[in-house]
PDB file of N, CA and C in Angstrom:
ATOM      1  N   MET A   1      90.006  61.173 -36.435  1.00  0.00           N
ATOM      2  CA  MET A   1      88.673  62.023 -35.990  1.00  0.00           C
ATOM      3  C   MET A   1      88.339  61.056 -34.743  1.00  0.00           C
ATOM      4  N   ASN A   2      88.474  61.810 -33.535  1.00  0.00           N
ATOM      5  CA  ASN A   2      87.976  60.979 -32.301  1.00  0.00           C
ATOM      6  C   ASN A   2      86.449  60.726 -32.177  1.00  0.00           C
ATOM      7  N   CYS A   3      85.963  60.113 -31.161  1.00  0.00           N
ATOM      8  CA  CYS A   3      84.516  59.806 -31.165  1.00  0.00           C
ATOM      9  C   CYS A   3      83.752  61.066 -30.448  1.00  0.00           C
ATOM     10  N   PHE A   4      84.379  61.872 -29.801  1.00  0.00           N
ATOM     11  CA  PHE A   4      83.862  63.121 -29.413  1.00  0.00           C
ATOM     12  C   PHE A   4      83.749  64.196 -30.333  1.00  0.00           C
ATOM     13  N   THR A   5      84.498  64.109 -31.455  1.00  0.00           N
ATOM     14  CA  THR A   5      84.635  65.046 -32.481  1.00  0.00           C
ATOM     15  C   THR A   5      83.513  64.642 -33.372  1.00  0.00           C
ATOM     16  N   CYS A   6      83.228  63.224 -33.677  1.00  0.00           N
ATOM     17  CA  CYS A   6      82.158  62.596 -34.415  1.00  0.00           C
ATOM     18  C   CYS A   6      80.819  62.945 -33.869  1.00  0.00           C
ATOM     19  N   CYS A   7      80.579  63.155 -32.695  1.00  0.00           N
ATOM     20  CA  CYS A   7      79.453  63.418 -31.963  1.00  0.00           C
ATOM     21  C   CYS A   7      79.463  64.779 -32.262  1.00  0.00           C
ATOM     22  N   VAL A   8      80.136  65.600 -31.851  1.00  0.00           N
ATOM     23  CA  VAL A   8      79.832  66.935 -32.017  1.00  0.00           C
ATOM     24  C   VAL A   8      79.561  67.509 -33.259  1.00  0.00           C
ATOM     25  N   THR A   9      80.268  66.852 -34.302  1.00  0.00           N
ATOM     26  CA  THR A   9      79.818  67.274 -35.745  1.00  0.00           C
ATOM     27  C   THR A   9      78.415  66.605 -36.333  1.00  0.00           C
ATOM     28  N   GLY A  10      78.148  65.428 -35.694  1.00  0.00           N
ATOM     29  CA  GLY A  10      76.787  64.656 -36.080  1.00  0.00           C
ATOM     30  C   GLY A  10      75.994  65.634 -35.541  1.00  0.00           C
ATOM     31  N   ALA A  11      75.943  66.222 -33.964  1.00  0.00           N
ATOM     32  CA  ALA A  11      75.136  67.123 -33.281  1.00  0.00           C
ATOM     33  C   ALA A  11      74.922  68.561 -34.242  1.00  0.00           C
ATOM     34  N   LEU A  12      75.704  69.066 -34.863  1.00  0.00           N
ATOM     35  CA  LEU A  12      75.806  70.243 -35.283  1.00  0.00           C
ATOM     36  C   LEU A  12      75.162  69.964 -36.584  1.00  0.00           C
ATOM     37  N   GLN A  13      75.441  68.927 -37.407  1.00  0.00           N
ATOM     38  CA  GLN A  13      74.684  68.916 -38.913  1.00  0.00           C
ATOM     39  C   GLN A  13      73.071  68.544 -38.416  1.00  0.00           C
ATOM     40  N   SER A  14      72.908  67.773 -37.356  1.00  0.00           N
ATOM     41  CA  SER A  14      71.626  67.608 -36.965  1.00  0.00           C
ATOM     42  C   SER A  14      70.810  68.767 -36.682  1.00  0.00           C
ATOM     43  N   LEU A  15      71.444  69.535 -35.960  1.00  0.00           N
ATOM     44  CA  LEU A  15      71.130  71.092 -35.598  1.00  0.00           C
ATOM     45  C   LEU A  15      70.820  72.056 -36.837  1.00  0.00           C
ATOM     46  N   TYR A  16      71.672  71.819 -37.955  1.00  0.00           N
ATOM     47  CA  TYR A  16      71.519  72.482 -39.119  1.00  0.00           C
ATOM     48  C   TYR A  16      70.297  72.084 -40.043  1.00  0.00           C
ATOM     49  N   TYR A  17      70.275  70.656 -40.060  1.00  0.00           N
ATOM     50  CA  TYR A  17      69.041  70.346 -40.825  1.00  0.00           C
ATOM     51  C   TYR A  17      67.719  70.158 -39.957  1.00  0.00           C
ATOM     52  N   LEU A  18      67.777  70.344 -38.611  1.00  0.00           N
ATOM     53  CA  LEU A  18      66.782  70.615 -37.951  1.00  0.00           C
ATOM     54  C   LEU A  18      66.001  71.978 -38.131  1.00  0.00           C
ATOM     55  N   ASP A  19      66.815  72.865 -38.405  1.00  0.00           N
ATOM     56  CA  ASP A  19      66.670  74.239 -38.630  1.00  0.00           C
ATOM     57  C   ASP A  19      65.988  74.472 -39.761  1.00  0.00           C
ATOM     58  N   LYS A  20      66.857  73.777 -40.810  1.00  0.00           N
ATOM     59  CA  LYS A  20      66.356  73.920 -42.383  1.00  0.00           C
ATOM     60  C   LYS A  20      64.846  73.316 -42.388  1.00  0.00           C
ATOM     61  N   LEU A  21      64.611  72.199 -41.482  1.00  0.00           N
ATOM     62  CA  LEU A  21      63.356  71.731 -41.676  1.00  0.00           C
ATOM     63  C   LEU A  21      62.079  72.678 -41.019  1.00  0.00           C
ATOM     64  N   ALA A  22      62.651  73.208 -40.185  1.00  0.00           N
ATOM     65  CA  ALA A  22      61.828  74.214 -39.439  1.00  0.00           C
ATOM     66  C   ALA A  22      61.305  75.302 -40.068  1.00  0.00           C
ATOM     67  N   LYS A  23      62.506  75.671 -41.021  1.00  0.00           N
ATOM     68  CA  LYS A  23      62.125  76.871 -41.853  1.00  0.00           C
ATOM     69  C   LYS A  23      61.246  76.566 -42.746  1.00  0.00           C
ATOM     70  N   ALA A  24      61.329  75.046 -43.493  1.00  0.00           N
ATOM     71  CA  ALA A  24      60.603  74.732 -44.535  1.00  0.00           C
ATOM     72  C   ALA A  24      59.027  74.512 -44.116  1.00  0.00           C
ATOM     73  N   ARG A  25      59.087  74.104 -43.038  1.00  0.00           N
ATOM     74  CA  ARG A  25      57.605  73.849 -42.455  1.00  0.00           C
ATOM     75  C   ARG A  25      56.753  75.194 -42.212  1.00  0.00           C
ATOM     76  N   LYS A  26      57.606  76.088 -41.464  1.00  0.00           N
ATOM     77  CA  LYS A  26      56.865  77.497 -41.292  1.00  0.00           C
ATOM     78  C   LYS A  26      56.500  77.887 -42.945  1.00  0.00           C
ATOM     79  N   GLN A  27      57.378  77.873 -43.745  1.00  0.00           N
ATOM     80  CA  GLN A  27      57.220  78.265 -45.432  1.00  0.00           C
ATOM     81  C   GLN A  27      55.980  77.888 -45.812  1.00  0.00           C
ATOM     82  N   PHE A  28      55.957  76.281 -45.695  1.00  0.00           N
ATOM     83  CA  PHE A  28      54.650  75.564 -46.344  1.00  0.00           C
ATOM     84  C   PHE A  28      53.622  76.033 -45.715  1.00  0.00           C
ATOM     85  N   THR A  29      53.794  76.032 -44.381  1.00  0.00           N
ATOM     86  CA  THR A  29      52.227  76.559 -43.595  1.00  0.00           C
ATOM     87  C   THR A  29      51.838  77.669 -44.015  1.00  0.00           C
ATOM     88  N   GLU A  30      52.833  78.798 -44.307  1.00  0.00           N
ATOM     89  CA  GLU A  30      52.428  80.040 -44.669  1.00  0.00           C
ATOM     90  C   GLU A  30      51.707  79.846 -46.163  1.00  0.00           C
ATOM     91  N   GLY A  31      52.346  79.134 -46.917  1.00  0.00           N
ATOM     92  CA  GLY A  31      52.015  79.224 -48.179  1.00  0.00           C
ATOM     93  C   GLY A  31      50.770  78.659 -48.445  1.00  0.00           C
ATOM     94  N   LEU A  32      50.370  77.731 -47.780  1.00  0.00           N
ATOM     95  CA  LEU A  32      48.962  77.015 -47.767  1.00  0.00           C
ATOM     96  C   LEU A  32      48.036  78.016 -47.091  1.00  0.00           C
ATOM     97  N   GLU A  33      48.336  78.606 -46.085  1.00  0.00           N
ATOM     98  CA  GLU A  33      47.511  79.579 -45.500  1.00  0.00           C
ATOM     99  C   GLU A  33      46.999  80.714 -46.578  1.00  0.00           C
ATOM    100  N   TYR A  34      48.060  81.206 -47.494  1.00  0.00           N
ATOM    101  CA  TYR A  34      47.866  82.170 -48.239  1.00  0.00           C
ATOM    102  C   TYR A  34      47.253  81.785 -49.544  1.00  0.00           C
ATOM    103  N   LEU A  35      47.373  80.528 -50.019  1.00  0.00           N
ATOM    104  CA  LEU A  35      46.336  79.635 -51.164  1.00  0.00           C
ATOM    105  C   LEU A  35      45.167  79.591 -50.496  1.00  0.00           C
ATOM    106  N   ASN A  36      44.922  79.459 -49.312  1.00  0.00           N
ATOM    107  CA  ASN A  36      43.399  79.043 -48.927  1.00  0.00           C
ATOM    108  C   ASN A  36      42.693  80.377 -48.643  1.00  0.00           C
ATOM    109  N   LYS A  37      43.494  81.595 -48.769  1.00  0.00           N
ATOM    110  CA  LYS A  37      42.767  82.729 -48.598  1.00  0.00           C
ATOM    111  C   LYS A  37      42.374  83.320 -49.910  1.00  0.00           C
ATOM    112  N   TYR A  38      42.860  82.990 -51.017  1.00  0.00           N
ATOM    113  CA  TYR A  38      42.646  83.506 -52.466  1.00  0.00           C
ATOM    114  C   TYR A  38      41.518  82.989 -52.578  1.00  0.00           C
ATOM    115  N   GLN A  39      40.703  84.253 -53.105  1.00  0.00           N
ATOM    116  CA  GLN A  39      39.296  84.454 -53.498  1.00  0.00           C
ATOM    117  C   GLN A  39      38.925  83.722 -54.742  1.00  0.00           C
ATOM    118  N   GLY A  40      39.780  83.497 -55.506  1.00  0.00           N
ATOM    119  CA  GLY A  40      39.649  82.915 -56.934  1.00  0.00           C
ATOM    120  C   GLY A  40      39.537  81.142 -56.756  1.00  0.00           C
ATOM    121  N   ASN A  41      39.822  80.815 -55.695  1.00  0.00           N
ATOM    122  CA  ASN A  41      39.784  79.328 -55.683  1.00  0.00           C
ATOM    123  C   ASN A  41      38.400  78.824 -56.098  1.00  0.00           C
ATOM    124  N   THR A  42      38.651  77.774 -56.872  1.00  0.00           N
ATOM    125  CA  THR A  42      37.259  76.988 -57.445  1.00  0.00           C
ATOM    126  C   THR A  42      36.856  75.832 -56.261  1.00  0.00           C
ATOM    127  N   PRO A  43      35.930  75.332 -55.973  1.00  0.00           N
ATOM    128  CA  PRO A  43      35.640  74.478 -55.204  1.00  0.00           C
ATOM    129  C   PRO A  43      36.536  73.125 -55.421  1.00  0.00           C
ATOM    130  N   GLU A  44      36.971  72.774 -56.269  1.00  0.00           N
ATOM    131  CA  GLU A  44      37.942  71.619 -56.548  1.00  0.00           C
ATOM    132  C   GLU A  44      38.985  72.055 -55.777  1.00  0.00           C
ATOM    133  N   ILE A  45      39.855  73.274 -56.039  1.00  0.00           N
ATOM    134  CA  ILE A  45      41.248  73.748 -55.669  1.00  0.00           C
ATOM    135  C   ILE A  45      41.047  73.902 -54.065  1.00  0.00           C
ATOM    136  N   LYS A  46      39.822  74.217 -53.488  1.00  0.00           N
ATOM    137  CA  LYS A  46      39.453  74.218 -52.022  1.00  0.00           C
ATOM    138  C   LYS A  46      39.301  72.845 -51.530  1.00  0.00           C
ATOM    139  N   ALA A  47      39.112  71.945 -51.998  1.00  0.00           N
ATOM    140  CA  ALA A  47      38.831  70.725 -51.761  1.00  0.00           C
ATOM    141  C   ALA A  47      40.247  70.077 -51.464  1.00  0.00           C
ATOM    142  N   LEU A  48      41.136  70.155 -52.526  1.00  0.00           N
ATOM    143  CA  LEU A  48      42.483  69.652 -52.688  1.00  0.00           C
ATOM    144  C   LEU A  48      43.178  70.538 -51.439  1.00  0.00           C
ATOM    145  N   LEU A  49      43.316  71.680 -51.353  1.00  0.00           N
ATOM    146  CA  LEU A  49      43.930  72.308 -50.353  1.00  0.00           C
ATOM    147  C   LEU A  49      43.472  71.891 -48.757  1.00  0.00           C
ATOM    148  N   GLU A  50      42.345  71.410 -48.622  1.00  0.00           N
ATOM    149  CA  GLU A  50      41.892  71.036 -47.601  1.00  0.00           C
ATOM    150  C   GLU A  50      42.417  69.471 -47.333  1.00  0.00           C
ATOM    151  N   LYS A  51      42.468  68.845 -48.442  1.00  0.00           N
ATOM    152  CA  LYS A  51      43.081  67.540 -48.204  1.00  0.00           C
ATOM    153  C   LYS A  51      44.617  67.589 -47.814  1.00  0.00           C
ATOM    154  N   ALA A  52      45.249  68.596 -48.565  1.00  0.00           N
ATOM    155  CA  ALA A  52      46.737  69.043 -48.406  1.00  0.00           C
ATOM    156  C   ALA A  52      47.000  69.239 -46.806  1.00  0.00           C
ATOM    157  N   GLY A  53      45.985  70.269 -46.341  1.00  0.00           N
ATOM    158  CA  GLY A  53      46.215  70.612 -44.987  1.00  0.00           C
ATOM    159  C   GLY A  53      45.950  69.539 -44.148  1.00  0.00           C
ATOM    160  N   LYS A  54      45.244  68.446 -44.353  1.00  0.00           N
ATOM    161  CA  LYS A  54      44.901  67.337 -43.642  1.00  0.00           C
ATOM    162  C   LYS A  54      46.373  66.420 -43.545  1.00  0.00           C
ATOM    163  N   SER A  55      46.792  66.157 -45.053  1.00  0.00           N
ATOM    164  CA  SER A  55      47.737  65.496 -45.150  1.00  0.00           C
ATOM    165  C   SER A  55      48.985  66.060 -44.493  1.00  0.00           C
ATOM    166  N   TYR A  56      49.215  67.286 -44.454  1.00  0.00           N
ATOM    167  CA  TYR A  56      50.459  68.134 -43.603  1.00  0.00           C
ATOM    168  C   TYR A  56      50.200  67.772 -42.449  1.00  0.00           C
ATOM    169  N   ARG A  57      49.046  68.142 -41.604  1.00  0.00           N
ATOM    170  CA  ARG A  57      48.892  67.602 -40.184  1.00  0.00           C
ATOM    171  C   ARG A  57      49.379  66.418 -39.942  1.00  0.00           C
ATOM    172  N   LEU A  58      48.947  65.427 -40.616  1.00  0.00           N
ATOM    173  CA  LEU A  58      49.353  63.959 -40.504  1.00  0.00           C
ATOM    174  C   LEU A  58      50.955  63.938 -40.474  1.00  0.00           C
ATOM    175  N   PHE A  59      51.331  64.638 -41.747  1.00  0.00           N
ATOM    176  CA  PHE A  59      52.825  64.630 -41.691  1.00  0.00           C
ATOM    177  C   PHE A  59      53.549  64.944 -40.451  1.00  0.00           C
ATOM    178  N   GLU A  60      53.186  66.322 -40.126  1.00  0.00           N
ATOM    179  CA  GLU A  60      53.833  66.851 -38.963  1.00  0.00           C
ATOM    180  C   GLU A  60      53.744  65.821 -37.773  1.00  0.00           C
ATOM    181  N   HIS A  61      52.424  65.500 -37.398  1.00  0.00           N
ATOM    182  CA  HIS A  61      52.246  64.359 -36.410  1.00  0.00           C
ATOM    183  C   HIS A  61      53.630  63.392 -36.593  1.00  0.00           C
ATOM    184  N   SER A  62      53.482  62.586 -37.618  1.00  0.00           N
ATOM    185  CA  SER A  62      54.193  61.699 -37.596  1.00  0.00           C
ATOM    186  C   SER A  62      55.722  61.723 -37.654  1.00  0.00           C
ATOM    187  N   LEU A  63      56.154  62.948 -38.147  1.00  0.00           N
ATOM    188  CA  LEU A  63      57.627  63.513 -37.867  1.00  0.00           C
ATOM    189  C   LEU A  63      57.833  64.008 -36.479  1.00  0.00           C
ATOM    190  N   ASP A  64      56.945  64.297 -35.640  1.00  0.00           N
ATOM    191  CA  ASP A  64      57.066  64.864 -34.396  1.00  0.00           C
ATOM    192  C   ASP A  64      57.025  63.862 -33.209  1.00  0.00           C
ATOM    193  N   LYS A  65      55.920  62.977 -33.545  1.00  0.00           N
ATOM    194  CA  LYS A  65      55.598  62.100 -32.571  1.00  0.00           C
ATOM    195  C   LYS A  65      56.395  60.560 -32.600  1.00  0.00           C
ATOM    196  N   ASN A  66      56.344  60.041 -33.525  1.00  0.00           N
ATOM    197  CA  ASN A  66      56.933  58.790 -33.601  1.00  0.00           C
ATOM    198  C   ASN A  66      58.092  58.707 -34.798  1.00  0.00           C
ATOM    199  N   GLY A  67      58.281  59.478 -35.699  1.00  0.00           N
ATOM    200  CA  GLY A  67      59.234  59.498 -36.657  1.00  0.00           C
ATOM    201  C   GLY A  67      59.120  58.110 -37.416  1.00  0.00           C
ATOM    202  N   ASN A  68      58.002  57.795 -37.923  1.00  0.00           N
ATOM    203  CA  ASN A  68      57.667  56.503 -38.746  1.00  0.00           C
ATOM    204  C   ASN A  68      58.056  56.985 -40.168  1.00  0.00           C
ATOM    205  N   ALA A  69      59.223  56.325 -40.479  1.00  0.00           N
ATOM    206  CA  ALA A  69      59.598  56.836 -42.055  1.00  0.00           C
ATOM    207  C   ALA A  69      58.567  56.569 -43.042  1.00  0.00           C
ATOM    208  N   PHE A  70      58.144  55.247 -42.915  1.00  0.00           N
ATOM    209  CA  PHE A  70      56.868  54.840 -43.951  1.00  0.00           C
ATOM    210  C   PHE A  70      55.818  55.642 -43.906  1.00  0.00           C
ATOM    211  N   LEU A  71      55.171  56.088 -42.540  1.00  0.00           N
ATOM    212  CA  LEU A  71      53.975  56.994 -42.594  1.00  0.00           C
ATOM    213  C   LEU A  71      54.603  58.535 -43.161  1.00  0.00           C
ATOM    214  N   VAL A  72      55.925  59.214 -42.745  1.00  0.00           N
ATOM    215  CA  VAL A  72      56.149  60.333 -43.133  1.00  0.00           C
ATOM    216  C   VAL A  72      56.177  60.091 -44.770  1.00  0.00           C
ATOM    217  N   SER A  73      56.835  59.008 -45.166  1.00  0.00           N
ATOM    218  CA  SER A  73      57.211  59.162 -46.743  1.00  0.00           C
ATOM    219  C   SER A  73      55.810  59.041 -47.590  1.00  0.00           C
ATOM    220  N   LEU A  74      54.813  58.145 -46.878  1.00  0.00           N
ATOM    221  CA  LEU A  74      53.462  58.007 -47.230  1.00  0.00           C
ATOM    222  C   LEU A  74      52.769  59.412 -47.416  1.00  0.00           C
ATOM    223  N   THR A  75      52.700  60.321 -46.345  1.00  0.00           N
ATOM    224  CA  THR A  75      51.935  61.410 -46.268  1.00  0.00           C
ATOM    225  C   THR A  75      52.810  62.399 -47.094  1.00  0.00           C
ATOM    226  N   VAL A  76      53.953  62.339 -47.183  1.00  0.00           N
ATOM    227  CA  VAL A  76      54.666  63.424 -47.894  1.00  0.00           C
ATOM    228  C   VAL A  76      54.113  63.149 -49.544  1.00  0.00           C
ATOM    229  N   ARG A  77      54.157  61.898 -50.039  1.00  0.00           N
ATOM    230  CA  ARG A  77      53.602  61.706 -51.083  1.00  0.00           C
ATOM    231  C   ARG A  77      52.271  61.984 -51.550  1.00  0.00           C
ATOM    232  N   GLN A  78      51.506  61.717 -50.548  1.00  0.00           N
ATOM    233  CA  GLN A  78      49.927  62.240 -50.759  1.00  0.00           C
ATOM    234  C   GLN A  78      49.802  63.741 -50.910  1.00  0.00           C
ATOM    235  N   LEU A  79      50.832  64.590 -49.784  1.00  0.00           N
ATOM    236  CA  LEU A  79      50.676  65.804 -49.858  1.00  0.00           C
ATOM    237  C   LEU A  79      51.086  66.490 -51.112  1.00  0.00           C
ATOM    238  N   LEU A  80      52.226  65.968 -51.914  1.00  0.00           N
ATOM    239  CA  LEU A  80      52.770  66.326 -53.105  1.00  0.00           C
ATOM    240  C   LEU A  80      51.860  65.930 -54.366  1.00  0.00           C
ATOM    241  N   LYS A  81      50.960  64.928 -54.122  1.00  0.00           N
ATOM    242  CA  LYS A  81      49.956  64.815 -55.144  1.00  0.00           C
ATOM    243  C   LYS A  81      49.041  66.071 -55.197  1.00  0.00           C
ATOM    244  N   TYR A  82      48.516  66.283 -53.884  1.00  0.00           N
ATOM    245  CA  TYR A  82      47.412  67.382 -53.982  1.00  0.00           C
ATOM    246  C   TYR A  82      47.828  68.463 -54.472  1.00  0.00           C
ATOM    247  N   MET A  83      49.275  68.744 -53.898  1.00  0.00           N
ATOM    248  CA  MET A  83      49.475  70.395 -54.108  1.00  0.00           C
ATOM    249  C   MET A  83      49.895  70.244 -55.567  1.00  0.00           C
ATOM    250  N   ASN A  84      50.392  69.127 -56.536  1.00  0.00           N
ATOM    251  CA  ASN A  84      50.551  69.255 -57.905  1.00  0.00           C
ATOM    252  C   ASN A  84      49.137  69.333 -58.325  1.00  0.00           C
ATOM    253  N   ASP A  85      48.249  68.616 -58.055  1.00  0.00           N
ATOM    254  CA  ASP A  85      46.836  68.724 -58.512  1.00  0.00           C
ATOM    255  C   ASP A  85      46.225  70.227 -58.543  1.00  0.00           C
ATOM    256  N   ALA A  86      46.572  70.790 -57.420  1.00  0.00           N
ATOM    257  CA  ALA A  86      46.150  72.304 -57.238  1.00  0.00           C
ATOM    258  C   ALA A  86      46.898  73.259 -57.954  1.00  0.00           C
ATOM    259  N   THR A  87      48.377  72.861 -58.206  1.00  0.00           N
ATOM    260  CA  THR A  87      48.845  73.860 -59.165  1.00  0.00           C
ATOM    261  C   THR A  87      48.446  73.747 -60.502  1.00  0.00           C
ATOM    262  N   ASN A  88      48.131  72.358 -61.161  1.00  0.00           N
ATOM    263  CA  ASN A  88      47.834  72.308 -62.238  1.00  0.00           C
ATOM    264  C   ASN A  88      46.244  73.137 -62.553  1.00  0.00           C
ATOM    265  N   LEU A  89      45.471  73.158 -61.475  1.00  0.00           N
ATOM    266  CA  LEU A  89      44.152  73.869 -61.859  1.00  0.00           C
ATOM    267  C   LEU A  89      44.382  75.334 -61.539  1.00  0.00           C
ATOM    268  N   TYR A  90      45.435  75.524 -60.830  1.00  0.00           N
ATOM    269  CA  TYR A  90      45.691  77.346 -60.894  1.00  0.00           C
ATOM    270  C   TYR A  90      46.255  77.561 -62.177  1.00  0.00           C
ATOM    271  N   SER A  91      47.007  76.898 -62.827  1.00  0.00           N
ATOM    272  CA  SER A  91      47.703  77.188 -64.065  1.00  0.00           C
ATOM    273  C   SER A  91      46.452  77.314 -65.168  1.00  0.00           C
ATOM    274  N   LYS A  92      45.290  76.330 -64.901  1.00  0.00           N
ATOM    275  CA  LYS A  92      44.203  76.635 -65.896  1.00  0.00           C
ATOM    276  C   LYS A  92      43.397  77.806 -65.861  1.00  0.00           C
ATOM    277  N   LEU A  93      43.482  78.280 -64.593  1.00  0.00           N
ATOM    278  CA  LEU A  93      42.641  79.515 -64.236  1.00  0.00           C
ATOM    279  C   LEU A  93      43.115  80.789 -64.938  1.00  0.00           C
ATOM    280  N   GLN A  94      44.556  80.765 -65.344  1.00  0.00           N
ATOM    281  CA  GLN A  94      45.220  81.768 -65.794  1.00  0.00           C
ATOM    282  C   GLN A  94      44.954  81.871 -67.560  1.00  0.00           C
ATOM    283  N   LYS A  95      44.265  80.931 -67.847  1.00  0.00           N
ATOM    284  CA  LYS A  95      44.237  80.769 -69.323  1.00  0.00           C
ATOM    285  C   LYS A  95      42.942  81.464 -69.872  1.00  0.00           C
TER     286      LYS A  95
END
């Protein structure tokens, strides 16, 4: 494989993953919006969703502006914790 072919292949893969990332970001934003509108949210769930929203905005900024892998990793980890905690609280609402 020559250098040009490698560059084209790499660019196409990058476009593929950028498209996947854009779709995932849109899906997460819409999902968070949907959860925030739920009338059955407890104050604790509302607080977690607010924290998740702030973490997500920091994640987006980190990803878009400086691409700092450490900061991206840190914000994603915190975001997942908030969403996992909220999911656990939602599951308790159903009991």
